[in-house]
């Protein structure tokens, strides 16, 4: 990945790293949830982190810290994760009502 790690932008680099890695960490934690409510909650956190990652990627691109090709690839992956999480949460909530 061609992220330019400049000191000026280090705080947002850390934010991007934290939000992006939190997506997977919370999905992994949801796998061992004891209740459906806990499962949905952990995926909800992942969804929020995914949306936050979208924001940080846009900021990186606007700040010229990532090129257009990398941005599009990462951003599209993030959008796809957001869509998947939204669908899983919605279906889980519907199934929980049965």
N, C-alpha and C. Protein backbone atom coordinates (compact mmCIF):
# COMPACT_ATOMS: atom_id res chain seq x y z
N UNK A 1 0.85 -1.17 0.00
CA UNK A 1 0.00 0.00 0.00
C UNK A 1 0.90 1.23 0.00
N UNK A 2 0.51 2.24 -0.73
CA UNK A 2 1.34 3.42 -0.89
C UNK A 2 1.00 4.56 0.04
N UNK A 3 0.53 4.28 1.24
CA UNK A 3 0.24 5.36 2.16
C UNK A 3 1.53 6.07 2.56
N UNK A 4 1.53 7.38 2.40
CA UNK A 4 2.69 8.17 2.80
C UNK A 4 2.53 8.48 4.28
N UNK A 5 3.43 7.99 5.07
CA UNK A 5 3.33 8.20 6.51
C UNK A 5 4.17 9.42 6.89
N UNK A 6 3.56 10.59 6.80
CA UNK A 6 4.23 11.83 7.18
C UNK A 6 3.83 12.18 8.60
N UNK A 7 4.75 12.80 9.32
CA UNK A 7 4.49 13.15 10.72
C UNK A 7 3.23 14.00 10.89
N UNK A 8 3.01 14.94 10.00
CA UNK A 8 1.86 15.83 10.11
C UNK A 8 0.55 15.05 10.10
N UNK A 9 0.54 13.97 9.36
CA UNK A 9 -0.68 13.20 9.19
C UNK A 9 -0.72 11.94 10.05
N UNK A 10 0.24 11.78 10.92
CA UNK A 10 0.30 10.58 11.74
C UNK A 10 -0.97 10.35 12.58
N UNK A 11 -1.57 11.40 13.17
CA UNK A 11 -2.80 11.16 13.93
C UNK A 11 -3.93 10.56 13.09
N UNK A 12 -4.10 11.04 11.85
CA UNK A 12 -5.18 10.46 11.05
C UNK A 12 -4.78 9.09 10.51
N UNK A 13 -3.49 8.86 10.32
CA UNK A 13 -3.03 7.52 9.93
C UNK A 13 -3.39 6.52 11.03
N UNK A 14 -3.17 6.93 12.29
CA UNK A 14 -3.50 6.06 13.42
C UNK A 14 -5.01 5.81 13.50
N UNK A 15 -5.80 6.87 13.24
CA UNK A 15 -7.25 6.72 13.27
C UNK A 15 -7.73 5.74 12.20
N UNK A 16 -7.17 5.86 11.00
CA UNK A 16 -7.52 4.94 9.92
C UNK A 16 -7.16 3.51 10.30
N UNK A 17 -5.98 3.34 10.84
CA UNK A 17 -5.52 2.02 11.24
C UNK A 17 -6.42 1.43 12.33
N UNK A 18 -6.79 2.26 13.31
CA UNK A 18 -7.63 1.79 14.41
C UNK A 18 -9.02 1.39 13.92
N UNK A 19 -9.63 2.25 13.10
CA UNK A 19 -10.99 1.94 12.65
C UNK A 19 -11.01 0.73 11.73
N UNK A 20 -10.03 0.64 10.84
CA UNK A 20 -9.99 -0.48 9.89
C UNK A 20 -9.77 -1.81 10.59
N UNK A 21 -8.86 -1.85 11.55
CA UNK A 21 -8.60 -3.11 12.25
C UNK A 21 -9.72 -3.47 13.23
N UNK A 22 -10.42 -2.47 13.72
CA UNK A 22 -11.53 -2.72 14.63
C UNK A 22 -12.69 -3.44 13.95
N UNK A 23 -12.85 -3.22 12.64
CA UNK A 23 -13.91 -3.91 11.90
C UNK A 23 -13.76 -5.42 12.08
N UNK A 24 -12.61 -5.92 11.72
CA UNK A 24 -12.36 -7.36 11.81
C UNK A 24 -12.36 -7.88 13.23
N UNK A 25 -11.82 -7.10 14.14
CA UNK A 25 -11.77 -7.53 15.54
C UNK A 25 -13.17 -7.73 16.10
N UNK A 26 -14.07 -6.82 15.80
CA UNK A 26 -15.44 -6.94 16.31
C UNK A 26 -16.23 -8.03 15.60
N UNK A 27 -15.97 -8.23 14.31
CA UNK A 27 -16.61 -9.35 13.60
C UNK A 27 -16.15 -10.66 14.23
N UNK A 28 -14.86 -10.76 14.51
CA UNK A 28 -14.32 -11.96 15.13
C UNK A 28 -14.94 -12.18 16.51
N UNK A 29 -15.07 -11.11 17.26
CA UNK A 29 -15.67 -11.22 18.59
C UNK A 29 -17.14 -11.62 18.51
N UNK A 30 -17.84 -11.14 17.48
CA UNK A 30 -19.25 -11.50 17.29
C UNK A 30 -19.43 -13.00 17.08
N UNK A 31 -18.42 -13.64 16.52
CA UNK A 31 -18.49 -15.08 16.25
C UNK A 31 -18.67 -15.89 17.53
N UNK A 32 -18.21 -15.35 18.65
CA UNK A 32 -18.34 -16.09 19.91
C UNK A 32 -19.31 -15.41 20.87
N UNK A 33 -20.24 -14.64 20.32
CA UNK A 33 -21.23 -13.97 21.17
C UNK A 33 -22.12 -15.01 21.85
N UNK A 34 -22.49 -14.73 23.09
CA UNK A 34 -23.33 -15.66 23.84
C UNK A 34 -24.81 -15.50 23.51
N UNK A 35 -25.18 -14.31 23.05
CA UNK A 35 -26.59 -14.05 22.72
C UNK A 35 -26.68 -13.40 21.34
N UNK A 36 -27.88 -13.48 20.76
CA UNK A 36 -28.13 -12.83 19.47
C UNK A 36 -27.97 -11.31 19.61
N UNK A 37 -28.40 -10.77 20.75
CA UNK A 37 -28.28 -9.34 20.99
C UNK A 37 -26.81 -8.92 20.99
N UNK A 38 -25.97 -9.69 21.64
CA UNK A 38 -24.53 -9.40 21.68
C UNK A 38 -23.92 -9.51 20.28
N UNK A 39 -24.35 -10.52 19.52
CA UNK A 39 -23.89 -10.71 18.15
C UNK A 39 -24.22 -9.47 17.31
N UNK A 40 -25.46 -9.03 17.38
CA UNK A 40 -25.89 -7.85 16.62
C UNK A 40 -25.15 -6.61 17.07
N UNK A 41 -24.94 -6.48 18.38
CA UNK A 41 -24.22 -5.33 18.92
C UNK A 41 -22.79 -5.26 18.39
N UNK A 42 -22.09 -6.38 18.41
CA UNK A 42 -20.69 -6.41 17.92
C UNK A 42 -20.63 -6.09 16.43
N UNK A 43 -21.58 -6.62 15.66
CA UNK A 43 -21.60 -6.29 14.24
C UNK A 43 -21.96 -4.83 14.02
N UNK A 44 -22.79 -4.28 14.91
CA UNK A 44 -23.12 -2.85 14.84
C UNK A 44 -21.88 -1.99 15.06
N UNK A 45 -21.03 -2.40 15.97
CA UNK A 45 -19.77 -1.68 16.19
C UNK A 45 -18.90 -1.78 14.95
N UNK A 46 -18.85 -2.96 14.35
CA UNK A 46 -18.08 -3.13 13.11
C UNK A 46 -18.62 -2.23 12.01
N UNK A 47 -19.93 -2.11 11.93
CA UNK A 47 -20.55 -1.25 10.92
C UNK A 47 -20.15 0.21 11.12
N UNK A 48 -20.19 0.66 12.36
CA UNK A 48 -19.76 2.04 12.66
C UNK A 48 -18.30 2.25 12.30
N UNK A 49 -17.47 1.28 12.62
CA UNK A 49 -16.04 1.39 12.31
C UNK A 49 -15.81 1.38 10.80
N UNK A 50 -16.61 0.62 10.08
CA UNK A 50 -16.50 0.59 8.62
C UNK A 50 -16.84 1.95 8.03
N UNK A 51 -17.89 2.56 8.54
CA UNK A 51 -18.26 3.90 8.05
C UNK A 51 -17.19 4.92 8.42
N UNK A 52 -16.63 4.77 9.59
CA UNK A 52 -15.55 5.67 10.00
C UNK A 52 -14.33 5.48 9.09
N UNK A 53 -14.05 4.25 8.73
CA UNK A 53 -12.93 3.96 7.83
C UNK A 53 -13.16 4.61 6.47
N UNK A 54 -14.41 4.60 5.99
CA UNK A 54 -14.75 5.28 4.73
C UNK A 54 -14.35 6.76 4.82
N UNK A 55 -14.68 7.38 5.94
CA UNK A 55 -14.35 8.79 6.15
C UNK A 55 -12.84 9.02 6.10
N UNK A 56 -12.10 8.21 6.84
CA UNK A 56 -10.65 8.39 6.89
C UNK A 56 -10.01 8.16 5.53
N UNK A 57 -10.53 7.20 4.78
CA UNK A 57 -10.00 6.98 3.42
C UNK A 57 -10.24 8.19 2.53
N UNK A 58 -11.43 8.78 2.64
CA UNK A 58 -11.73 10.00 1.86
C UNK A 58 -10.78 11.12 2.24
N UNK A 59 -10.52 11.25 3.53
CA UNK A 59 -9.62 12.29 4.01
C UNK A 59 -8.19 12.05 3.51
N UNK A 60 -7.76 10.82 3.54
CA UNK A 60 -6.43 10.48 3.01
C UNK A 60 -6.32 10.84 1.54
N UNK A 61 -7.34 10.51 0.78
CA UNK A 61 -7.33 10.80 -0.65
C UNK A 61 -7.34 12.31 -0.89
N UNK A 62 -8.18 13.02 -0.16
CA UNK A 62 -8.27 14.48 -0.31
C UNK A 62 -6.96 15.16 0.09
N UNK A 63 -6.22 14.55 1.00
CA UNK A 63 -4.94 15.10 1.46
C UNK A 63 -3.77 14.62 0.59
N UNK A 64 -4.08 13.90 -0.45
CA UNK A 64 -3.08 13.38 -1.39
C UNK A 64 -2.09 12.42 -0.71
N UNK A 65 -2.58 11.67 0.26
CA UNK A 65 -1.75 10.69 0.96
C UNK A 65 -1.91 9.30 0.38
N UNK A 66 -2.83 9.16 -0.54
CA UNK A 66 -3.09 7.88 -1.18
C UNK A 66 -3.49 8.19 -2.63
N UNK A 67 -3.02 7.37 -3.55
CA UNK A 67 -3.35 7.66 -4.95
C UNK A 67 -4.76 7.18 -5.28
N UNK A 68 -5.25 7.60 -6.43
CA UNK A 68 -6.63 7.32 -6.80
C UNK A 68 -6.92 5.82 -6.94
N UNK A 69 -5.99 5.09 -7.52
CA UNK A 69 -6.19 3.65 -7.70
C UNK A 69 -6.32 2.94 -6.35
N UNK A 70 -5.43 3.26 -5.43
CA UNK A 70 -5.47 2.66 -4.09
C UNK A 70 -6.74 3.08 -3.36
N UNK A 71 -7.07 4.36 -3.48
CA UNK A 71 -8.28 4.86 -2.82
C UNK A 71 -9.51 4.10 -3.30
N UNK A 72 -9.67 4.01 -4.61
CA UNK A 72 -10.85 3.34 -5.16
C UNK A 72 -10.93 1.89 -4.71
N UNK A 73 -9.82 1.21 -4.72
CA UNK A 73 -9.79 -0.19 -4.31
C UNK A 73 -10.19 -0.34 -2.84
N UNK A 74 -9.53 0.41 -1.97
CA UNK A 74 -9.80 0.32 -0.53
C UNK A 74 -11.20 0.82 -0.19
N UNK A 75 -11.60 1.92 -0.81
CA UNK A 75 -12.91 2.50 -0.54
C UNK A 75 -14.02 1.55 -0.99
N UNK A 76 -13.87 0.96 -2.17
CA UNK A 76 -14.88 0.01 -2.65
C UNK A 76 -14.95 -1.22 -1.76
N UNK A 77 -13.81 -1.70 -1.29
CA UNK A 77 -13.81 -2.82 -0.34
C UNK A 77 -14.57 -2.44 0.94
N UNK A 78 -14.32 -1.24 1.41
CA UNK A 78 -14.97 -0.77 2.63
C UNK A 78 -16.48 -0.63 2.44
N UNK A 79 -16.89 -0.11 1.30
CA UNK A 79 -18.32 0.02 0.99
C UNK A 79 -18.97 -1.37 0.96
N UNK A 80 -18.28 -2.32 0.37
CA UNK A 80 -18.81 -3.69 0.30
C UNK A 80 -18.96 -4.29 1.69
N UNK A 81 -17.98 -4.07 2.56
CA UNK A 81 -18.06 -4.54 3.94
C UNK A 81 -19.25 -3.89 4.65
N UNK A 82 -19.43 -2.59 4.44
CA UNK A 82 -20.55 -1.87 5.04
C UNK A 82 -21.88 -2.47 4.59
N UNK A 83 -22.01 -2.76 3.31
CA UNK A 83 -23.24 -3.35 2.78
C UNK A 83 -23.48 -4.74 3.38
N UNK A 84 -22.44 -5.55 3.44
CA UNK A 84 -22.57 -6.90 4.01
C UNK A 84 -22.99 -6.85 5.48
N UNK A 85 -22.33 -5.99 6.24
CA UNK A 85 -22.67 -5.87 7.66
C UNK A 85 -24.11 -5.38 7.85
N UNK A 86 -24.52 -4.42 7.04
CA UNK A 86 -25.89 -3.89 7.12
C UNK A 86 -26.90 -5.01 6.87
N UNK A 87 -26.64 -5.82 5.86
CA UNK A 87 -27.54 -6.93 5.52
C UNK A 87 -27.58 -7.97 6.64
N UNK A 88 -26.42 -8.34 7.15
CA UNK A 88 -26.36 -9.35 8.22
C UNK A 88 -27.10 -8.86 9.46
N UNK A 89 -26.89 -7.61 9.82
CA UNK A 89 -27.55 -7.04 11.01
C UNK A 89 -29.06 -7.02 10.80
N UNK A 90 -29.49 -6.56 9.63
CA UNK A 90 -30.92 -6.49 9.33
C UNK A 90 -31.56 -7.87 9.41
N UNK A 91 -30.95 -8.85 8.77
CA UNK A 91 -31.49 -10.23 8.76
C UNK A 91 -31.48 -10.83 10.17
N UNK A 92 -30.43 -10.55 10.92
CA UNK A 92 -30.34 -11.07 12.29
C UNK A 92 -31.44 -10.49 13.16
N UNK A 93 -31.72 -9.21 12.99
CA UNK A 93 -32.80 -8.58 13.76
C UNK A 93 -34.15 -9.17 13.37
N UNK A 94 -34.36 -9.39 12.07
CA UNK A 94 -35.62 -9.98 11.60
C UNK A 94 -35.77 -11.40 12.14
N UNK A 95 -34.72 -12.19 12.09
CA UNK A 95 -34.76 -13.57 12.57
C UNK A 95 -34.94 -13.64 14.08
N UNK A 96 -34.47 -12.63 14.77
CA UNK A 96 -34.58 -12.58 16.22
C UNK A 96 -36.03 -12.35 16.66
N UNK A 97 -36.84 -11.76 15.77
CA UNK A 97 -38.25 -11.48 16.10
C UNK A 97 -39.13 -12.72 15.96
N UNK A 98 -38.65 -13.74 15.24
CA UNK A 98 -39.46 -14.94 15.01
C UNK A 98 -39.70 -15.74 16.26
